[in-house]
Structures are given as C-alpha cells and as structure tokens.
Amino acid sequence: MNNHHHANDGEAKAKPEVIKLGLDLHARQVTECRQLDGSTPKPGQKWDPWKLLDKVEEWIKAGIKVYSCYEAGACGYWYHRELIKRGAVNFVVAPRPLENQRRKHQKTDRLDARALLDNLECYLRGKRDAMSIVAVPSPLQEQQRSVVRFREQLVRNRRRAEARGRALALTQGILAPVGWWRPAAWKQFKTQLPKWMDSQVEHWQEEALAVDGKERQVRRELENMVAIELPIGVGALSWITLQLEMRGWDRFGESSSDRQLHRAVPRHPQQQRSRARRPY
C-alpha cells in the first residue's frame, strides 16, 4: 500500500510544469525537440503533425504549460492556429540560419528542431533578439492577402511567356516590339516570323494574353475592395496591396510607430506622380 502511494508521489513530482518544443515542420511530418522545465533537452522525434497536436492537447489537459515555435515557410500558419486552439503558446518565427548550420554546415530536421528550442528557451528567458517573431495574420487577412500574391504571380507568369516568345524570335535575329503579344502588335509581328516558328511563338502569345486577362480581372477585384477616398496620387491597387500586406492601417496609432507608416507610404504622394504611361 505504502509502495503504491510512493509510486503516485513519484509520478506527481515527475510531471513537468512547462514543456518547450522546437518544431521543424514539413508537409507530412514534424520533428520536435522537447525540454521539460529546465532539464536537458530530449533527442528530436518525428511525428505525424496531427498526432503531435493530440499529444499537446493531452499535456495541456494535464495542467502543463506548453510553449512552442516553428519557422514561417511553405506550411503557412495552419499549424500555429491548431496549436493555439489546443492551448499552447506558439510563436511563428522568421527563418534564418540556425546555430548548427553556421558552425557545422549541417542541416537536419533534428538539429534544426534543437536550434529552434534553444532560441525559444533564450526568448522566454528575456533575450528578445533570440527570435524574430512573425505577426500571424487572421484567416480573413490571409485570404485577402492571397489575392494580392495571386495577382503578382500572374504578372510574373505573363512576363515569362512574353520573354520566351521574344527570346525565340531573337534566335533568328528578329526583335520583338514592346507588348508584342497584344492583339494589334501580334498581328503585325506575326508576319515577320518564319513559318516553322509561327506556332511556337503563337503559343507564348496566347499564354501571355490569357494570363493578362486573368490578371486584369483579379486587379479589378482588389481595387473594388477600396471603400475610402484615397490620397492624391495613390492608386487603388497600390493602396489595397499595402493595406493587405501590412495587415491593415489600424496597427499604426498616434505614437512613435507612425514613423513606420511614413516610411511605407510617401507623405506627399502627389510629388511621386508621373504622366508617363506604362507600355503594357
């Protein structure tokens, strides 16, 4: 009987008050390096991301405080939101060369998770420059910002198609005019191409034209989000792009942080105006 009580006492004492997790997150797995209170960190372990979330929830329900961090990247913010939902305190941090990569020129998931845990430990002890915290957008902000980035990708794709058609013509000493893929220019430019090249360049012309049409549609969608009278010289597209990338203007109050806003947006935008039209 006494032995049973002693065992329970030992288990109670063994339960940590705080668990810190350095997480190296990938599409199909997450590697975690764990520290219980102030003890030596345990070796990294690979988890199914959802099973680790279940484990975190189990710790939280047992009364353990859980802190975690992972680097911002291709996996976005969904894992952050799931960790928060389960009661953890999570930080998404800006990617940067971790200590093991700088000193040993090594990069493995376990070493990265350990380096993130070390940074998290320093941050929680008050060394605020140990990690650069990323401001996580709300789900709505993320959805709206994705429209901005989708449009930017469309612009890059159109320029790529334009460049490939131009490069193809140049192999035969033919210089493509600016905006060669637009219908009026293409009608004339097409007559300069050799017969065997015509269908190849036409492929890039059709792609550039289609992507440009989609980009214009998305641009109108963004411009229609602007519901205020804009300062002189600031276009609707520029305004909404800045607003969504900066997660709204309400972050800038009547304080010294206004300097950040002034650096982002010209104080006298009318001086920035140009009457020159874009060639395309």
C-alpha atoms as a PDB file:
ATOM      1  CA  MET A   1       0.000   0.000   0.000  1.00  0.00           C
ATOM      2  CA  ASN A   2       2.761   2.402   1.020  1.00  0.00           C
ATOM      3  CA  ASN A   3       4.727   1.471  -2.065  1.00  0.00           C
ATOM      4  CA  HIS A   4       1.685   2.375  -4.194  1.00  0.00           C
ATOM      5  CA  HIS A   5       1.474   5.826  -2.579  1.00  0.00           C
ATOM      6  CA  HIS A   6       5.197   6.360  -3.078  1.00  0.00           C
ATOM      7  CA  ALA A   7       4.812   5.495  -6.768  1.00  0.00           C
ATOM      8  CA  ASN A   8       1.987   8.030  -7.149  1.00  0.00           C
ATOM      9  CA  ASP A   9       4.057  10.692  -5.384  1.00  0.00           C
ATOM     10  CA  GLY A  10       6.918   9.997  -7.773  1.00  0.00           C
ATOM     11  CA  GLU A  11       4.661  10.337 -10.793  1.00  0.00           C
ATOM     12  CA  ALA A  12       3.269  13.630  -9.497  1.00  0.00           C
ATOM     13  CA  LYS A  13       6.761  15.000  -8.974  1.00  0.00           C
ATOM     14  CA  ALA A  14       7.839  13.788 -12.404  1.00  0.00           C
ATOM     15  CA  LYS A  15       5.127  15.753 -14.199  1.00  0.00           C
ATOM     16  CA  PRO A  16       6.712  18.949 -15.529  1.00  0.00           C
ATOM     17  CA  GLU A  17       5.162  22.370 -15.127  1.00  0.00           C
ATOM     18  CA  VAL A  18       6.362  23.585 -18.511  1.00  0.00           C
ATOM     19  CA  ILE A  19       7.184  21.850 -21.793  1.00  0.00           C
ATOM     20  CA  LYS A  20       9.027  23.752 -24.522  1.00  0.00           C
ATOM     21  CA  LEU A  21       9.024  22.482 -28.101  1.00  0.00           C
ATOM     22  CA  GLY A  22      11.231  23.391 -31.044  1.00  0.00           C
ATOM     23  CA  LEU A  23       9.364  22.263 -34.165  1.00  0.00           C
ATOM     24  CA  ASP A  24      10.710  21.625 -37.657  1.00  0.00           C
ATOM     25  CA  LEU A  25       7.513  21.480 -39.696  1.00  0.00           C
ATOM     26  CA  HIS A  26       7.109  19.784 -43.083  1.00  0.00           C
ATOM     27  CA  ALA A  27       4.158  18.679 -45.184  1.00  0.00           C
ATOM     28  CA  ARG A  28       3.960  15.103 -43.883  1.00  0.00           C
ATOM     29  CA  GLN A  29       5.855  15.221 -40.610  1.00  0.00           C
ATOM     30  CA  VAL A  30       7.013  17.470 -37.809  1.00  0.00           C
ATOM     31  CA  THR A  31      10.214  16.924 -35.845  1.00  0.00           C
ATOM     32  CA  GLU A  32      10.057  18.112 -32.253  1.00  0.00           C
ATOM     33  CA  CYS A  33      12.818  18.650 -29.741  1.00  0.00           C
ATOM     34  CA  ARG A  34      11.428  18.830 -26.213  1.00  0.00           C
ATOM     35  CA  GLN A  35      12.566  20.349 -22.932  1.00  0.00           C
ATOM     36  CA  LEU A  36      10.786  19.572 -19.671  1.00  0.00           C
ATOM     37  CA  ASP A  37      11.070  22.542 -17.301  1.00  0.00           C
ATOM     38  CA  GLY A  38      14.794  23.382 -17.167  1.00  0.00           C
ATOM     39  CA  SER A  39      16.131  19.891 -17.880  1.00  0.00           C
ATOM     40  CA  THR A  40      18.431  18.832 -20.686  1.00  0.00           C
ATOM     41  CA  PRO A  41      16.521  18.750 -23.995  1.00  0.00           C
ATOM     42  CA  LYS A  42      15.497  15.313 -25.199  1.00  0.00           C
ATOM     43  CA  PRO A  43      16.593  13.988 -28.625  1.00  0.00           C
ATOM     44  CA  GLY A  44      14.385  15.050 -31.523  1.00  0.00           C
ATOM     45  CA  GLN A  45      11.463  12.859 -32.537  1.00  0.00           C
ATOM     46  CA  LYS A  46       9.484  12.668 -35.770  1.00  0.00           C
ATOM     47  CA  TRP A  47       5.690  12.855 -35.523  1.00  0.00           C
ATOM     48  CA  ASP A  48       2.649  12.864 -37.687  1.00  0.00           C
ATOM     49  CA  PRO A  49       1.613  16.548 -37.312  1.00  0.00           C
ATOM     50  CA  TRP A  50      -1.903  15.693 -36.103  1.00  0.00           C
ATOM     51  CA  LYS A  51      -0.691  13.122 -33.565  1.00  0.00           C
ATOM     52  CA  LEU A  52       1.649  15.696 -32.057  1.00  0.00           C
ATOM     53  CA  LEU A  53      -1.296  18.092 -31.763  1.00  0.00           C
ATOM     54  CA  ASP A  54      -3.178  15.377 -29.853  1.00  0.00           C
ATOM     55  CA  LYS A  55      -0.163  14.997 -27.548  1.00  0.00           C
ATOM     56  CA  VAL A  56      -0.006  18.746 -26.936  1.00  0.00           C
ATOM     57  CA  GLU A  57      -3.698  18.754 -26.065  1.00  0.00           C
ATOM     58  CA  GLU A  58      -3.082  15.876 -23.643  1.00  0.00           C
ATOM     59  CA  TRP A  59      -0.326  17.854 -21.901  1.00  0.00           C
ATOM     60  CA  ILE A  60      -2.496  20.948 -21.674  1.00  0.00           C
ATOM     61  CA  LYS A  61      -5.353  18.976 -20.129  1.00  0.00           C
ATOM     62  CA  ALA A  62      -2.891  17.581 -17.579  1.00  0.00           C
ATOM     63  CA  GLY A  63      -2.166  21.158 -16.453  1.00  0.00           C
ATOM     64  CA  ILE A  64       1.196  21.527 -18.207  1.00  0.00           C
ATOM     65  CA  LYS A  65       2.083  24.843 -19.861  1.00  0.00           C
ATOM     66  CA  VAL A  66       3.287  24.279 -23.435  1.00  0.00           C
ATOM     67  CA  TYR A  67       5.423  26.738 -25.398  1.00  0.00           C
ATOM     68  CA  SER A  68       6.450  26.048 -28.994  1.00  0.00           C
ATOM     69  CA  CYS A  69       7.873  27.675 -32.078  1.00  0.00           C
ATOM     70  CA  TYR A  70       8.457  26.893 -35.738  1.00  0.00           C
ATOM     71  CA  GLU A  71       9.790  28.787 -38.729  1.00  0.00           C
ATOM     72  CA  ALA A  72       7.474  30.510 -41.183  1.00  0.00           C
ATOM     73  CA  GLY A  73       7.526  28.752 -44.528  1.00  0.00           C
ATOM     74  CA  ALA A  74       5.613  26.755 -47.097  1.00  0.00           C
ATOM     75  CA  CYS A  75       3.284  25.219 -44.496  1.00  0.00           C
ATOM     76  CA  GLY A  76       1.854  28.614 -43.604  1.00  0.00           C
ATOM     77  CA  TYR A  77       0.002  29.301 -40.373  1.00  0.00           C
ATOM     78  CA  TRP A  78      -2.458  26.410 -40.089  1.00  0.00           C
ATOM     79  CA  TYR A  79      -0.294  24.550 -37.575  1.00  0.00           C
ATOM     80  CA  HIS A  80       0.065  27.683 -35.460  1.00  0.00           C
ATOM     81  CA  ARG A  81      -3.704  28.029 -35.307  1.00  0.00           C
ATOM     82  CA  GLU A  82      -4.134  24.371 -34.364  1.00  0.00           C
ATOM     83  CA  LEU A  83      -1.560  24.672 -31.577  1.00  0.00           C
ATOM     84  CA  ILE A  84      -3.268  27.784 -30.226  1.00  0.00           C
ATOM     85  CA  LYS A  85      -6.653  26.055 -30.429  1.00  0.00           C
ATOM     86  CA  ARG A  86      -5.318  23.293 -28.182  1.00  0.00           C
ATOM     87  CA  GLY A  87      -3.999  25.755 -25.616  1.00  0.00           C
ATOM     88  CA  ALA A  88      -0.308  26.027 -26.473  1.00  0.00           C
ATOM     89  CA  VAL A  89       1.599  29.309 -26.674  1.00  0.00           C
ATOM     90  CA  ASN A  90       3.178  29.163 -30.116  1.00  0.00           C
ATOM     91  CA  PHE A  91       5.481  31.538 -31.965  1.00  0.00           C
ATOM     92  CA  VAL A  92       5.985  31.606 -35.717  1.00  0.00           C
ATOM     93  CA  VAL A  93       9.497  32.918 -36.310  1.00  0.00           C
ATOM     94  CA  ALA A  94      11.281  34.375 -39.309  1.00  0.00           C
ATOM     95  CA  PRO A  95      13.620  31.876 -40.994  1.00  0.00           C
ATOM     96  CA  ARG A  96      17.317  32.478 -40.546  1.00  0.00           C
ATOM     97  CA  PRO A  97      20.500  30.358 -40.445  1.00  0.00           C
ATOM     98  CA  LEU A  98      20.369  28.362 -37.246  1.00  0.00           C
ATOM     99  CA  GLU A  99      23.358  27.851 -34.993  1.00  0.00           C
ATOM    100  CA  ASN A 100      24.090  24.295 -36.108  1.00  0.00           C
ATOM    101  CA  GLN A 101      24.113  25.376 -39.771  1.00  0.00           C
ATOM    102  CA  ARG A 102      26.513  28.269 -39.136  1.00  0.00           C
ATOM    103  CA  ARG A 103      29.053  26.275 -37.135  1.00  0.00           C
ATOM    104  CA  LYS A 104      28.885  22.761 -38.594  1.00  0.00           C
ATOM    105  CA  HIS A 105      27.462  23.363 -42.080  1.00  0.00           C
ATOM    106  CA  GLN A 106      24.850  20.752 -41.220  1.00  0.00           C
ATOM    107  CA  LYS A 107      21.124  20.802 -41.768  1.00  0.00           C
ATOM    108  CA  THR A 108      18.904  18.048 -40.454  1.00  0.00           C
ATOM    109  CA  ASP A 109      15.397  18.184 -39.056  1.00  0.00           C
ATOM    110  CA  ARG A 110      16.553  17.111 -35.581  1.00  0.00           C
ATOM    111  CA  LEU A 111      19.350  19.683 -35.430  1.00  0.00           C
ATOM    112  CA  ASP A 112      17.007  22.414 -36.658  1.00  0.00           C
ATOM    113  CA  ALA A 113      14.397  21.494 -34.048  1.00  0.00           C
ATOM    114  CA  ARG A 114      17.063  21.620 -31.320  1.00  0.00           C
ATOM    115  CA  ALA A 115      18.324  25.011 -32.510  1.00  0.00           C
ATOM    116  CA  LEU A 116      14.764  26.367 -32.510  1.00  0.00           C
ATOM    117  CA  LEU A 117      14.256  25.027 -28.990  1.00  0.00           C
ATOM    118  CA  ASP A 118      17.454  26.764 -27.829  1.00  0.00           C
ATOM    119  CA  ASN A 119      16.235  30.031 -29.358  1.00  0.00           C
ATOM    120  CA  LEU A 120      12.837  29.594 -27.720  1.00  0.00           C
ATOM    121  CA  GLU A 121      14.466  28.987 -24.336  1.00  0.00           C
ATOM    122  CA  CYS A 122      16.534  32.173 -24.691  1.00  0.00           C
ATOM    123  CA  TYR A 123      13.487  34.164 -25.813  1.00  0.00           C
ATOM    124  CA  LEU A 124      11.406  33.047 -22.838  1.00  0.00           C
ATOM    125  CA  ARG A 125      14.272  33.996 -20.519  1.00  0.00           C
ATOM    126  CA  GLY A 126      14.049  37.561 -21.789  1.00  0.00           C
ATOM    127  CA  LYS A 127      16.517  37.637 -24.697  1.00  0.00           C
ATOM    128  CA  ARG A 128      14.084  39.135 -27.210  1.00  0.00           C
ATOM    129  CA  ASP A 129      16.543  39.151 -30.107  1.00  0.00           C
ATOM    130  CA  ALA A 130      16.857  35.360 -29.940  1.00  0.00           C
ATOM    131  CA  MET A 131      13.907  35.056 -32.331  1.00  0.00           C
ATOM    132  CA  SER A 132      12.249  37.370 -34.823  1.00  0.00           C
ATOM    133  CA  ILE A 133       8.522  36.837 -34.283  1.00  0.00           C
ATOM    134  CA  VAL A 134       6.275  36.843 -37.353  1.00  0.00           C
ATOM    135  CA  ALA A 135       2.945  38.660 -36.994  1.00  0.00           C
ATOM    136  CA  VAL A 136       0.397  35.987 -37.886  1.00  0.00           C
ATOM    137  CA  PRO A 137      -2.489  37.327 -39.991  1.00  0.00           C
ATOM    138  CA  SER A 138      -6.081  36.449 -39.200  1.00  0.00           C
ATOM    139  CA  PRO A 139      -7.684  33.866 -41.516  1.00  0.00           C
ATOM    140  CA  LEU A 140      -9.564  36.664 -43.315  1.00  0.00           C
ATOM    141  CA  GLN A 141      -6.397  38.746 -43.720  1.00  0.00           C
ATOM    142  CA  GLU A 142      -4.578  35.712 -45.082  1.00  0.00           C
ATOM    143  CA  GLN A 143      -7.360  35.011 -47.582  1.00  0.00           C
ATOM    144  CA  GLN A 144      -7.404  38.614 -48.797  1.00  0.00           C
ATOM    145  CA  ARG A 145      -3.616  38.809 -48.979  1.00  0.00           C
ATOM    146  CA  SER A 146      -3.571  35.644 -51.091  1.00  0.00           C
ATOM    147  CA  VAL A 147      -5.437  37.597 -53.792  1.00  0.00           C
ATOM    148  CA  VAL A 148      -2.593  40.166 -53.865  1.00  0.00           C
ATOM    149  CA  ARG A 149       0.003  37.431 -54.211  1.00  0.00           C
ATOM    150  CA  PHE A 150      -2.029  35.572 -56.810  1.00  0.00           C
ATOM    151  CA  ARG A 151      -2.089  38.714 -58.936  1.00  0.00           C
ATOM    152  CA  GLU A 152       1.678  39.153 -58.532  1.00  0.00           C
ATOM    153  CA  GLN A 153       2.205  35.565 -59.656  1.00  0.00           C
ATOM    154  CA  LEU A 154       0.021  36.173 -62.716  1.00  0.00           C
ATOM    155  CA  VAL A 155       2.145  39.218 -63.622  1.00  0.00           C
ATOM    156  CA  ARG A 156       5.320  37.115 -63.342  1.00  0.00           C
ATOM    157  CA  ASN A 157       3.797  34.373 -65.481  1.00  0.00           C
ATOM    158  CA  ARG A 158       2.769  36.847 -68.162  1.00  0.00           C
ATOM    159  CA  ARG A 159       6.261  38.355 -68.251  1.00  0.00           C
ATOM    160  CA  ARG A 160       7.781  34.892 -68.501  1.00  0.00           C
ATOM    161  CA  ALA A 161       5.606  33.998 -71.506  1.00  0.00           C
ATOM    162  CA  GLU A 162       6.437  37.350 -73.104  1.00  0.00           C
ATOM    163  CA  ALA A 163      10.180  36.804 -72.542  1.00  0.00           C
ATOM    164  CA  ARG A 164      10.125  33.284 -74.010  1.00  0.00           C
ATOM    165  CA  GLY A 165       8.392  34.396 -77.185  1.00  0.00           C
ATOM    166  CA  ARG A 166      10.790  37.338 -77.518  1.00  0.00           C
ATOM    167  CA  ALA A 167      13.830  35.088 -76.960  1.00  0.00           C
ATOM    168  CA  LEU A 168      12.603  32.603 -79.568  1.00  0.00           C
ATOM    169  CA  ALA A 169      12.280  35.338 -82.184  1.00  0.00           C
ATOM    170  CA  LEU A 170      15.685  36.733 -81.287  1.00  0.00           C
ATOM    171  CA  THR A 171      17.362  33.435 -82.228  1.00  0.00           C
ATOM    172  CA  GLN A 172      16.509  34.370 -85.825  1.00  0.00           C
ATOM    173  CA  GLY A 173      17.595  37.990 -85.441  1.00  0.00           C
ATOM    174  CA  ILE A 174      14.012  39.251 -85.115  1.00  0.00           C
ATOM    175  CA  LEU A 175      13.432  41.947 -82.491  1.00  0.00           C
ATOM    176  CA  ALA A 176      10.032  41.780 -80.817  1.00  0.00           C
ATOM    177  CA  PRO A 177       8.359  45.145 -80.200  1.00  0.00           C
ATOM    178  CA  VAL A 178       7.210  46.149 -76.721  1.00  0.00           C
ATOM    179  CA  GLY A 179       3.952  44.393 -75.950  1.00  0.00           C
ATOM    180  CA  TRP A 180       4.389  42.122 -78.995  1.00  0.00           C
ATOM    181  CA  TRP A 181       1.794  39.691 -77.633  1.00  0.00           C
ATOM    182  CA  ARG A 182      -1.070  42.178 -77.597  1.00  0.00           C
ATOM    183  CA  PRO A 183      -3.549  41.569 -80.465  1.00  0.00           C
ATOM    184  CA  ALA A 184      -2.722  44.675 -82.537  1.00  0.00           C
ATOM    185  CA  ALA A 185       1.059  44.245 -82.199  1.00  0.00           C
ATOM    186  CA  TRP A 186       0.876  40.477 -82.700  1.00  0.00           C
ATOM    187  CA  LYS A 187      -0.989  40.820 -85.997  1.00  0.00           C
ATOM    188  CA  GLN A 188       1.925  42.759 -87.471  1.00  0.00           C
ATOM    189  CA  PHE A 189       4.756  40.960 -85.636  1.00  0.00           C
ATOM    190  CA  LYS A 190       3.485  37.540 -86.767  1.00  0.00           C
ATOM    191  CA  THR A 191       4.214  38.399 -90.419  1.00  0.00           C
ATOM    192  CA  GLN A 192       7.944  38.779 -89.584  1.00  0.00           C
ATOM    193  CA  LEU A 193       8.315  35.237 -88.236  1.00  0.00           C
ATOM    194  CA  PRO A 194       9.457  32.261 -90.294  1.00  0.00           C
ATOM    195  CA  LYS A 195       6.712  29.740 -90.977  1.00  0.00           C
ATOM    196  CA  TRP A 196       8.248  26.993 -88.803  1.00  0.00           C
ATOM    197  CA  MET A 197       8.432  29.334 -85.781  1.00  0.00           C
ATOM    198  CA  ASP A 198       4.967  30.800 -86.095  1.00  0.00           C
ATOM    199  CA  SER A 199       3.104  28.216 -83.998  1.00  0.00           C
ATOM    200  CA  GLN A 200       5.753  28.205 -81.245  1.00  0.00           C
ATOM    201  CA  VAL A 201       5.720  31.953 -80.698  1.00  0.00           C
ATOM    202  CA  GLU A 202       1.933  31.932 -81.017  1.00  0.00           C
ATOM    203  CA  HIS A 203       1.784  29.555 -78.044  1.00  0.00           C
ATOM    204  CA  TRP A 204       3.551  32.132 -75.847  1.00  0.00           C
ATOM    205  CA  GLN A 205       1.415  34.933 -77.298  1.00  0.00           C
ATOM    206  CA  GLU A 206      -1.783  33.095 -76.389  1.00  0.00           C
ATOM    207  CA  GLU A 207      -0.493  32.304 -72.898  1.00  0.00           C
ATOM    208  CA  ALA A 208       0.575  35.910 -72.247  1.00  0.00           C
ATOM    209  CA  LEU A 209      -2.775  37.215 -73.463  1.00  0.00           C
ATOM    210  CA  ALA A 210      -4.798  34.753 -71.360  1.00  0.00           C
ATOM    211  CA  VAL A 211      -2.802  35.399 -68.207  1.00  0.00           C
ATOM    212  CA  ASP A 212      -3.022  39.154 -68.754  1.00  0.00           C
ATOM    213  CA  GLY A 213      -6.815  38.887 -68.967  1.00  0.00           C
ATOM    214  CA  LYS A 214      -6.943  36.984 -65.678  1.00  0.00           C
ATOM    215  CA  GLU A 215      -4.594  39.483 -64.021  1.00  0.00           C
ATOM    216  CA  ARG A 216      -6.868  42.364 -65.041  1.00  0.00           C
ATOM    217  CA  GLN A 217      -9.852  40.552 -63.542  1.00  0.00           C
ATOM    218  CA  VAL A 218      -8.029  39.993 -60.236  1.00  0.00           C
ATOM    219  CA  ARG A 219      -6.790  43.590 -60.253  1.00  0.00           C
ATOM    220  CA  ARG A 220     -10.376  44.872 -60.509  1.00  0.00           C
ATOM    221  CA  GLU A 221     -11.344  42.588 -57.639  1.00  0.00           C
ATOM    222  CA  LEU A 222      -8.617  44.130 -55.483  1.00  0.00           C
ATOM    223  CA  GLU A 223      -9.430  47.711 -56.481  1.00  0.00           C
ATOM    224  CA  ASN A 224     -13.069  47.131 -55.587  1.00  0.00           C
ATOM    225  CA  MET A 225     -12.008  46.349 -52.007  1.00  0.00           C
ATOM    226  CA  VAL A 226     -11.081  50.028 -51.509  1.00  0.00           C
ATOM    227  CA  ALA A 227     -14.015  51.778 -49.853  1.00  0.00           C
ATOM    228  CA  ILE A 228     -12.426  55.132 -48.909  1.00  0.00           C
ATOM    229  CA  GLU A 229     -11.375  58.298 -50.706  1.00  0.00           C
ATOM    230  CA  LEU A 230      -7.677  57.892 -51.454  1.00  0.00           C
ATOM    231  CA  PRO A 231      -4.911  60.486 -51.043  1.00  0.00           C
ATOM    232  CA  ILE A 232      -3.957  62.347 -54.209  1.00  0.00           C
ATOM    233  CA  GLY A 233      -1.561  60.319 -56.321  1.00  0.00           C
ATOM    234  CA  VAL A 234      -2.207  56.964 -54.638  1.00  0.00           C
ATOM    235  CA  GLY A 235      -3.871  54.375 -56.831  1.00  0.00           C
ATOM    236  CA  ALA A 236      -6.424  51.903 -55.553  1.00  0.00           C
ATOM    237  CA  LEU A 237      -4.226  48.910 -56.387  1.00  0.00           C
ATOM    238  CA  SER A 238      -1.203  50.318 -54.549  1.00  0.00           C
ATOM    239  CA  TRP A 239      -3.334  51.230 -51.544  1.00  0.00           C
ATOM    240  CA  ILE A 240      -5.046  47.872 -51.142  1.00  0.00           C
ATOM    241  CA  THR A 241      -1.778  45.990 -51.728  1.00  0.00           C
ATOM    242  CA  LEU A 242      -0.072  47.939 -48.942  1.00  0.00           C
ATOM    243  CA  GLN A 243      -3.064  47.578 -46.652  1.00  0.00           C
ATOM    244  CA  LEU A 244      -3.289  43.818 -47.037  1.00  0.00           C
ATOM    245  CA  GLU A 245       0.453  43.181 -46.857  1.00  0.00           C
ATOM    246  CA  MET A 246       0.714  45.349 -43.722  1.00  0.00           C
ATOM    247  CA  ARG A 247      -2.396  43.733 -42.178  1.00  0.00           C
ATOM    248  CA  GLY A 248      -4.357  46.988 -42.070  1.00  0.00           C
ATOM    249  CA  TRP A 249      -3.619  50.598 -41.181  1.00  0.00           C
ATOM    250  CA  ASP A 250      -5.135  50.312 -37.707  1.00  0.00           C
ATOM    251  CA  ARG A 251      -1.839  48.893 -36.445  1.00  0.00           C
ATOM    252  CA  PHE A 252      -0.409  52.425 -36.713  1.00  0.00           C
ATOM    253  CA  GLY A 253      -1.673  54.675 -33.966  1.00  0.00           C
ATOM    254  CA  GLU A 254      -0.906  58.174 -32.788  1.00  0.00           C
ATOM    255  CA  SER A 255       2.510  57.208 -31.478  1.00  0.00           C
ATOM    256  CA  SER A 256       6.125  56.914 -32.497  1.00  0.00           C
ATOM    257  CA  SER A 257       5.134  53.944 -34.658  1.00  0.00           C
ATOM    258  CA  ASP A 258       3.720  56.472 -37.140  1.00  0.00           C
ATOM    259  CA  ARG A 259       7.278  56.741 -38.454  1.00  0.00           C
ATOM    260  CA  GLN A 260       6.891  53.199 -39.785  1.00  0.00           C
ATOM    261  CA  LEU A 261       3.823  54.277 -41.753  1.00  0.00           C
ATOM    262  CA  HIS A 262       5.583  57.329 -43.163  1.00  0.00           C
ATOM    263  CA  ARG A 263       8.419  55.134 -44.393  1.00  0.00           C
ATOM    264  CA  ALA A 264       5.924  52.806 -46.091  1.00  0.00           C
ATOM    265  CA  VAL A 265       3.751  55.481 -47.762  1.00  0.00           C
ATOM    266  CA  PRO A 266       5.076  58.811 -49.152  1.00  0.00           C
ATOM    267  CA  ARG A 267       3.851  61.785 -47.123  1.00  0.00           C
ATOM    268  CA  HIS A 268       3.432  63.827 -50.317  1.00  0.00           C
ATOM    269  CA  PRO A 269       2.380  61.272 -52.903  1.00  0.00           C
ATOM    270  CA  GLN A 270       1.452  63.953 -55.441  1.00  0.00           C
ATOM    271  CA  GLN A 271       5.199  64.544 -55.882  1.00  0.00           C
ATOM    272  CA  GLN A 272       5.613  60.907 -56.884  1.00  0.00           C
ATOM    273  CA  ARG A 273       3.193  61.091 -59.814  1.00  0.00           C
ATOM    274  CA  SER A 274       4.335  60.579 -63.358  1.00  0.00           C
ATOM    275  CA  ARG A 275       2.371  61.176 -66.522  1.00  0.00           C
ATOM    276  CA  ALA A 276       4.321  58.516 -68.381  1.00  0.00           C
ATOM    277  CA  ARG A 277       2.102  55.607 -69.264  1.00  0.00           C
ATOM    278  CA  ARG A 278       3.163  52.021 -68.866  1.00  0.00           C
ATOM    279  CA  PRO A 279       3.974  50.443 -72.233  1.00  0.00           C
ATOM    280  CA  TYR A 280       1.914  47.399 -71.206  1.00  0.00           C
END
